Amino acid sequence: MIIFITGPSASGKSTLRDFYCKKKSVVKISAYTTRPKRIGEKEIHHSVSDDIFNTLESKGLLCLVAHNHGYQYGYLIDEITKNNEFKMFEVDSVTAIKEKEILNATIVRIVPLNKYSALLKIMFKRDGVADRIRDLFYQTNNKFLQERARSGDIVFRNDYSENMFNEFSKLIDSLRGAFVSG
C-alpha cells in the first residue's frame, strides 16, 4: 500500500507524516533533494548536491522526481519497490496526481484550516516565498479541492492542534485497515 501525502507548503505534511511513522514504528522514507537544510530544521530529506542528484536520476535510480521552488526532489526506486509493505511518501501535488494510478496510491491532501497560519510559516522558510504563497492559494481553493475529492483524494484539514495528530493517525490507520481487508 502506498499513500502520497501532499498539499501546499506549510500545511504540516512532514510533521504529520513523521508523527505517524514514529508512533506506529513505520520506517520513514525521505526524499533526496537539492534543497539545503534550513536553519533549525530536523532532517526531513537527504540533501545532496545538484551533481549527485543528477547522477542518481541519470542512472535511473530515482522516481517520483519533481522540481519545486527551485529545487529537485526524488525517491530511490529501491525504497519504493523493495517489499510489499505499507509506505507513505511526501510528494508534490502534480507528482501525486501523475503517479497515483501507476503506483496504485491513495492521495491524502493536507490543507491548513487557516491559510494565514500557513502564510506565516511560509514567510519563515525564506526560499521560493512567492511561489509557495501562490501554490498555497491554488491548493486551498474550494473548486480545486472539490475536483480532487471527486478524483478520490482524501482531504485532511490541519488546524495544527495536538488533536490533529490523533485524527491523522486514525485516518491513516483506517486506510491501512481497508487495504488489508480489501
C-alpha atoms as a PDB file:
ATOM      1  CA  MET A   1       0.000   0.000   0.000  1.00  0.00           C
ATOM      2  CA  ILE A   2       1.285   3.437  -0.940  1.00  0.00           C
ATOM      3  CA  ILE A   3      -0.050   6.707   0.419  1.00  0.00           C
ATOM      4  CA  PHE A   4       1.028  10.014  -1.049  1.00  0.00           C
ATOM      5  CA  ILE A   5       0.958  12.859   1.457  1.00  0.00           C
ATOM      6  CA  THR A   6       0.623  16.093  -0.477  1.00  0.00           C
ATOM      7  CA  GLY A   7      -0.526  19.663  -0.061  1.00  0.00           C
ATOM      8  CA  PRO A   8       0.803  23.187  -0.078  1.00  0.00           C
ATOM      9  CA  SER A   9       3.913  24.324   1.707  1.00  0.00           C
ATOM     10  CA  ALA A  10       3.481  24.843   5.472  1.00  0.00           C
ATOM     11  CA  SER A  11       0.365  22.681   5.674  1.00  0.00           C
ATOM     12  CA  GLY A  12       2.020  20.243   8.097  1.00  0.00           C
ATOM     13  CA  LYS A  13       2.741  17.327   5.747  1.00  0.00           C
ATOM     14  CA  SER A  14       6.142  16.402   7.179  1.00  0.00           C
ATOM     15  CA  THR A  15       5.080  16.956  10.765  1.00  0.00           C
ATOM     16  CA  LEU A  16       2.024  14.699  10.460  1.00  0.00           C
ATOM     17  CA  ARG A  17       3.904  12.032   8.488  1.00  0.00           C
ATOM     18  CA  ASP A  18       6.822  11.998  10.931  1.00  0.00           C
ATOM     19  CA  PHE A  19       4.475  11.773  13.922  1.00  0.00           C
ATOM     20  CA  TYR A  20       2.632   8.822  12.402  1.00  0.00           C
ATOM     21  CA  CYS A  21       5.807   6.988  11.438  1.00  0.00           C
ATOM     22  CA  LYS A  22       7.243   7.390  14.920  1.00  0.00           C
ATOM     23  CA  LYS A  23       4.001   6.455  16.722  1.00  0.00           C
ATOM     24  CA  LYS A  24       3.388   3.366  14.581  1.00  0.00           C
ATOM     25  CA  SER A  25       7.042   2.322  14.102  1.00  0.00           C
ATOM     26  CA  VAL A  26       6.755   2.758  10.345  1.00  0.00           C
ATOM     27  CA  VAL A  27      10.016   3.299   8.503  1.00  0.00           C
ATOM     28  CA  LYS A  28      10.080   6.880   7.254  1.00  0.00           C
ATOM     29  CA  ILE A  29      11.264   7.127   3.670  1.00  0.00           C
ATOM     30  CA  SER A  30      12.784  10.509   2.934  1.00  0.00           C
ATOM     31  CA  ALA A  31      13.239  12.171  -0.422  1.00  0.00           C
ATOM     32  CA  TYR A  32      16.583  13.125  -1.876  1.00  0.00           C
ATOM     33  CA  THR A  33      16.684  16.835  -2.647  1.00  0.00           C
ATOM     34  CA  THR A  34      18.950  19.592  -3.796  1.00  0.00           C
ATOM     35  CA  ARG A  35      17.345  21.905  -1.224  1.00  0.00           C
ATOM     36  CA  PRO A  36      19.782  22.702   1.579  1.00  0.00           C
ATOM     37  CA  LYS A  37      18.725  22.033   5.120  1.00  0.00           C
ATOM     38  CA  ARG A  38      17.148  25.094   6.721  1.00  0.00           C
ATOM     39  CA  ILE A  39      18.459  26.558   9.988  1.00  0.00           C
ATOM     40  CA  GLY A  40      16.904  24.680  12.905  1.00  0.00           C
ATOM     41  CA  GLU A  41      15.285  22.080  10.636  1.00  0.00           C
ATOM     42  CA  LYS A  42      15.343  18.451  11.658  1.00  0.00           C
ATOM     43  CA  GLU A  43      16.398  16.120   8.886  1.00  0.00           C
ATOM     44  CA  ILE A  44      13.318  15.542   6.731  1.00  0.00           C
ATOM     45  CA  HIS A  45      15.145  14.993   3.425  1.00  0.00           C
ATOM     46  CA  HIS A  46      18.511  13.761   2.249  1.00  0.00           C
ATOM     47  CA  SER A  47      20.147  16.972   0.991  1.00  0.00           C
ATOM     48  CA  VAL A  48      22.563  16.353  -1.874  1.00  0.00           C
ATOM     49  CA  SER A  49      24.310  18.477  -4.487  1.00  0.00           C
ATOM     50  CA  ASP A  50      22.847  19.046  -7.943  1.00  0.00           C
ATOM     51  CA  ASP A  51      25.583  16.815  -9.392  1.00  0.00           C
ATOM     52  CA  ILE A  52      24.761  13.896  -7.094  1.00  0.00           C
ATOM     53  CA  PHE A  53      21.015  14.266  -7.690  1.00  0.00           C
ATOM     54  CA  ASN A  54      21.520  14.432 -11.471  1.00  0.00           C
ATOM     55  CA  THR A  55      23.773  11.354 -11.361  1.00  0.00           C
ATOM     56  CA  LEU A  56      21.166   9.362  -9.400  1.00  0.00           C
ATOM     57  CA  GLU A  57      18.472  10.464 -11.845  1.00  0.00           C
ATOM     58  CA  SER A  58      20.548   9.746 -14.990  1.00  0.00           C
ATOM     59  CA  LYS A  59      21.332   6.239 -13.705  1.00  0.00           C
ATOM     60  CA  GLY A  60      17.582   5.599 -13.330  1.00  0.00           C
ATOM     61  CA  LEU A  61      17.792   5.223  -9.567  1.00  0.00           C
ATOM     62  CA  LEU A  62      15.167   7.872  -8.733  1.00  0.00           C
ATOM     63  CA  CYS A  63      11.425   8.059  -9.209  1.00  0.00           C
ATOM     64  CA  LEU A  64       8.701  10.482  -8.162  1.00  0.00           C
ATOM     65  CA  VAL A  65      11.082  13.192  -9.331  1.00  0.00           C
ATOM     66  CA  ALA A  66       9.785  16.746  -9.075  1.00  0.00           C
ATOM     67  CA  HIS A  67      11.150  20.251  -9.448  1.00  0.00           C
ATOM     68  CA  ASN A  68       9.626  22.594  -6.878  1.00  0.00           C
ATOM     69  CA  HIS A  69      10.511  26.035  -5.583  1.00  0.00           C
ATOM     70  CA  GLY A  70      13.842  25.918  -7.401  1.00  0.00           C
ATOM     71  CA  TYR A  71      14.924  22.519  -6.059  1.00  0.00           C
ATOM     72  CA  GLN A  72      14.766  18.895  -7.194  1.00  0.00           C
ATOM     73  CA  TYR A  73      13.174  16.094  -5.172  1.00  0.00           C
ATOM     74  CA  GLY A  74      13.023  12.343  -5.750  1.00  0.00           C
ATOM     75  CA  TYR A  75      12.925   8.946  -4.057  1.00  0.00           C
ATOM     76  CA  LEU A  76      15.174   5.952  -4.579  1.00  0.00           C
ATOM     77  CA  ILE A  77      13.287   3.375  -6.648  1.00  0.00           C
ATOM     78  CA  ASP A  78      14.648   0.581  -4.439  1.00  0.00           C
ATOM     79  CA  GLU A  79      12.912   2.081  -1.398  1.00  0.00           C
ATOM     80  CA  ILE A  80       9.562   2.033  -3.171  1.00  0.00           C
ATOM     81  CA  THR A  81       9.814  -1.421  -4.725  1.00  0.00           C
ATOM     82  CA  LYS A  82      11.809  -3.429  -2.162  1.00  0.00           C
ATOM     83  CA  ASN A  83       8.823  -5.115  -0.487  1.00  0.00           C
ATOM     84  CA  ASN A  84       5.060  -5.137  -0.323  1.00  0.00           C
ATOM     85  CA  GLU A  85       4.585  -3.303   2.965  1.00  0.00           C
ATOM     86  CA  PHE A  86       2.887  -0.004   3.746  1.00  0.00           C
ATOM     87  CA  LYS A  87       4.728   3.087   2.540  1.00  0.00           C
ATOM     88  CA  MET A  88       3.947   6.771   2.908  1.00  0.00           C
ATOM     89  CA  PHE A  89       5.662   9.394   0.755  1.00  0.00           C
ATOM     90  CA  GLU A  90       5.513  13.162   0.875  1.00  0.00           C
ATOM     91  CA  VAL A  91       5.245  14.354  -2.736  1.00  0.00           C
ATOM     92  CA  ASP A  92       4.111  17.483  -4.526  1.00  0.00           C
ATOM     93  CA  SER A  93       0.555  17.658  -5.853  1.00  0.00           C
ATOM     94  CA  VAL A  94       1.435  17.343  -9.551  1.00  0.00           C
ATOM     95  CA  THR A  95       3.577  14.240  -8.957  1.00  0.00           C
ATOM     96  CA  ALA A  96       0.898  12.669  -6.739  1.00  0.00           C
ATOM     97  CA  ILE A  97      -1.783  13.154  -9.390  1.00  0.00           C
ATOM     98  CA  LYS A  98       0.507  11.926 -12.190  1.00  0.00           C
ATOM     99  CA  GLU A  99       1.766   8.816 -10.346  1.00  0.00           C
ATOM    100  CA  LYS A 100      -1.405   7.848  -8.432  1.00  0.00           C
ATOM    101  CA  GLU A 101      -2.673   5.302 -10.979  1.00  0.00           C
ATOM    102  CA  ILE A 102       0.774   3.982 -11.903  1.00  0.00           C
ATOM    103  CA  LEU A 103       1.602   3.064  -8.290  1.00  0.00           C
ATOM    104  CA  ASN A 104      -1.995   2.391  -7.213  1.00  0.00           C
ATOM    105  CA  ALA A 105      -1.544   5.005  -4.500  1.00  0.00           C
ATOM    106  CA  THR A 106      -4.014   6.818  -2.281  1.00  0.00           C
ATOM    107  CA  ILE A 107      -3.625  10.593  -2.060  1.00  0.00           C
ATOM    108  CA  VAL A 108      -4.088  12.276   1.307  1.00  0.00           C
ATOM    109  CA  ARG A 109      -4.131  16.012   0.704  1.00  0.00           C
ATOM    110  CA  ILE A 110      -3.171  18.074   3.775  1.00  0.00           C
ATOM    111  CA  VAL A 111      -4.601  21.592   3.745  1.00  0.00           C
ATOM    112  CA  PRO A 112      -4.322  24.166   6.506  1.00  0.00           C
ATOM    113  CA  LEU A 113      -7.608  25.067   8.141  1.00  0.00           C
ATOM    114  CA  ASN A 114      -6.343  28.638   8.375  1.00  0.00           C
ATOM    115  CA  LYS A 115      -4.377  29.960   5.365  1.00  0.00           C
ATOM    116  CA  TYR A 116      -2.924  32.772   7.425  1.00  0.00           C
ATOM    117  CA  SER A 117      -1.151  30.399   9.812  1.00  0.00           C
ATOM    118  CA  ALA A 118       0.384  28.716   6.775  1.00  0.00           C
ATOM    119  CA  LEU A 119       1.365  32.104   5.324  1.00  0.00           C
ATOM    120  CA  LEU A 120       3.325  32.931   8.469  1.00  0.00           C
ATOM    121  CA  LYS A 121       5.137  29.599   8.272  1.00  0.00           C
ATOM    122  CA  ILE A 122       5.947  30.172   4.592  1.00  0.00           C
ATOM    123  CA  MET A 123       7.477  33.562   5.366  1.00  0.00           C
ATOM    124  CA  PHE A 124       9.968  31.882   7.717  1.00  0.00           C
ATOM    125  CA  LYS A 125      11.074  29.402   5.040  1.00  0.00           C
ATOM    126  CA  ARG A 126      12.698  32.259   3.093  1.00  0.00           C
ATOM    127  CA  ASP A 127      13.064  30.308  -0.171  1.00  0.00           C
ATOM    128  CA  GLY A 128      10.566  30.420  -3.009  1.00  0.00           C
ATOM    129  CA  VAL A 129       8.176  32.507  -0.900  1.00  0.00           C
ATOM    130  CA  ALA A 130       6.135  33.967  -3.778  1.00  0.00           C
ATOM    131  CA  ASP A 131       5.859  30.556  -5.451  1.00  0.00           C
ATOM    132  CA  ARG A 132       4.847  28.901  -2.165  1.00  0.00           C
ATOM    133  CA  ILE A 133       2.173  31.549  -1.474  1.00  0.00           C
ATOM    134  CA  ARG A 134       0.721  31.177  -4.975  1.00  0.00           C
ATOM    135  CA  ASP A 135       0.668  27.393  -4.504  1.00  0.00           C
ATOM    136  CA  LEU A 136      -0.997  27.736  -1.080  1.00  0.00           C
ATOM    137  CA  PHE A 137      -3.886  29.747  -2.507  1.00  0.00           C
ATOM    138  CA  TYR A 138      -4.237  27.437  -5.513  1.00  0.00           C
ATOM    139  CA  GLN A 139      -4.250  24.222  -3.443  1.00  0.00           C
ATOM    140  CA  THR A 140      -6.691  25.594  -0.845  1.00  0.00           C
ATOM    141  CA  ASN A 141      -9.153  26.869  -3.444  1.00  0.00           C
ATOM    142  CA  ASN A 142     -12.545  25.193  -2.900  1.00  0.00           C
ATOM    143  CA  LYS A 143     -13.001  24.415  -6.599  1.00  0.00           C
ATOM    144  CA  PHE A 144      -9.617  22.653  -6.733  1.00  0.00           C
ATOM    145  CA  LEU A 145     -10.315  20.697  -3.524  1.00  0.00           C
ATOM    146  CA  GLN A 146     -13.755  19.607  -4.752  1.00  0.00           C
ATOM    147  CA  GLU A 147     -12.260  18.455  -8.052  1.00  0.00           C
ATOM    148  CA  ARG A 148      -9.555  16.497  -6.255  1.00  0.00           C
ATOM    149  CA  ALA A 149     -12.095  14.936  -3.847  1.00  0.00           C
ATOM    150  CA  ARG A 150     -14.145  13.786  -6.862  1.00  0.00           C
ATOM    151  CA  SER A 151     -10.945  12.186  -8.169  1.00  0.00           C
ATOM    152  CA  GLY A 152     -10.606  10.184  -4.953  1.00  0.00           C
ATOM    153  CA  ASP A 153      -8.191  12.322  -2.967  1.00  0.00           C
ATOM    154  CA  ILE A 154      -8.797  12.423   0.761  1.00  0.00           C
ATOM    155  CA  VAL A 155      -8.709  15.992   2.071  1.00  0.00           C
ATOM    156  CA  PHE A 156      -7.422  16.360   5.626  1.00  0.00           C
ATOM    157  CA  ARG A 157      -7.801  19.819   7.148  1.00  0.00           C
ATOM    158  CA  ASN A 158      -4.984  20.522   9.582  1.00  0.00           C
ATOM    159  CA  ASP A 159      -5.530  23.099  12.324  1.00  0.00           C
ATOM    160  CA  TYR A 160      -2.040  22.455  13.786  1.00  0.00           C
ATOM    161  CA  SER A 161      -3.550  21.295  17.096  1.00  0.00           C
ATOM    162  CA  GLU A 162      -2.429  18.369  19.221  1.00  0.00           C
ATOM    163  CA  ASN A 163      -5.702  16.642  18.349  1.00  0.00           C
ATOM    164  CA  MET A 164      -4.818  16.693  14.642  1.00  0.00           C
ATOM    165  CA  PHE A 165      -2.011  14.193  15.220  1.00  0.00           C
ATOM    166  CA  ASN A 166      -4.504  11.688  16.583  1.00  0.00           C
ATOM    167  CA  GLU A 167      -7.071  12.427  13.852  1.00  0.00           C
ATOM    168  CA  PHE A 168      -4.401  11.960  11.178  1.00  0.00           C
ATOM    169  CA  SER A 169      -3.311   8.664  12.779  1.00  0.00           C
ATOM    170  CA  LYS A 170      -6.911   7.419  12.780  1.00  0.00           C
ATOM    171  CA  LEU A 171      -7.267   8.330   9.104  1.00  0.00           C
ATOM    172  CA  ILE A 172      -4.075   6.538   8.058  1.00  0.00           C
ATOM    173  CA  ASP A 173      -4.935   3.508  10.227  1.00  0.00           C
ATOM    174  CA  SER A 174      -8.370   3.284   8.574  1.00  0.00           C
ATOM    175  CA  LEU A 175      -6.786   3.405   5.104  1.00  0.00           C
ATOM    176  CA  ARG A 176      -4.312   0.702   6.072  1.00  0.00           C
ATOM    177  CA  GLY A 177      -7.113  -1.411   7.549  1.00  0.00           C
ATOM    178  CA  ALA A 178      -9.228  -1.040   4.411  1.00  0.00           C
ATOM    179  CA  PHE A 179      -6.257  -2.042   2.265  1.00  0.00           C
ATOM    180  CA  VAL A 180      -5.513  -5.147   4.331  1.00  0.00           C
ATOM    181  CA  SER A 181      -9.150  -6.277   4.418  1.00  0.00           C
ATOM    182  CA  GLY A 182      -9.849  -5.235   0.796  1.00  0.00           C
END
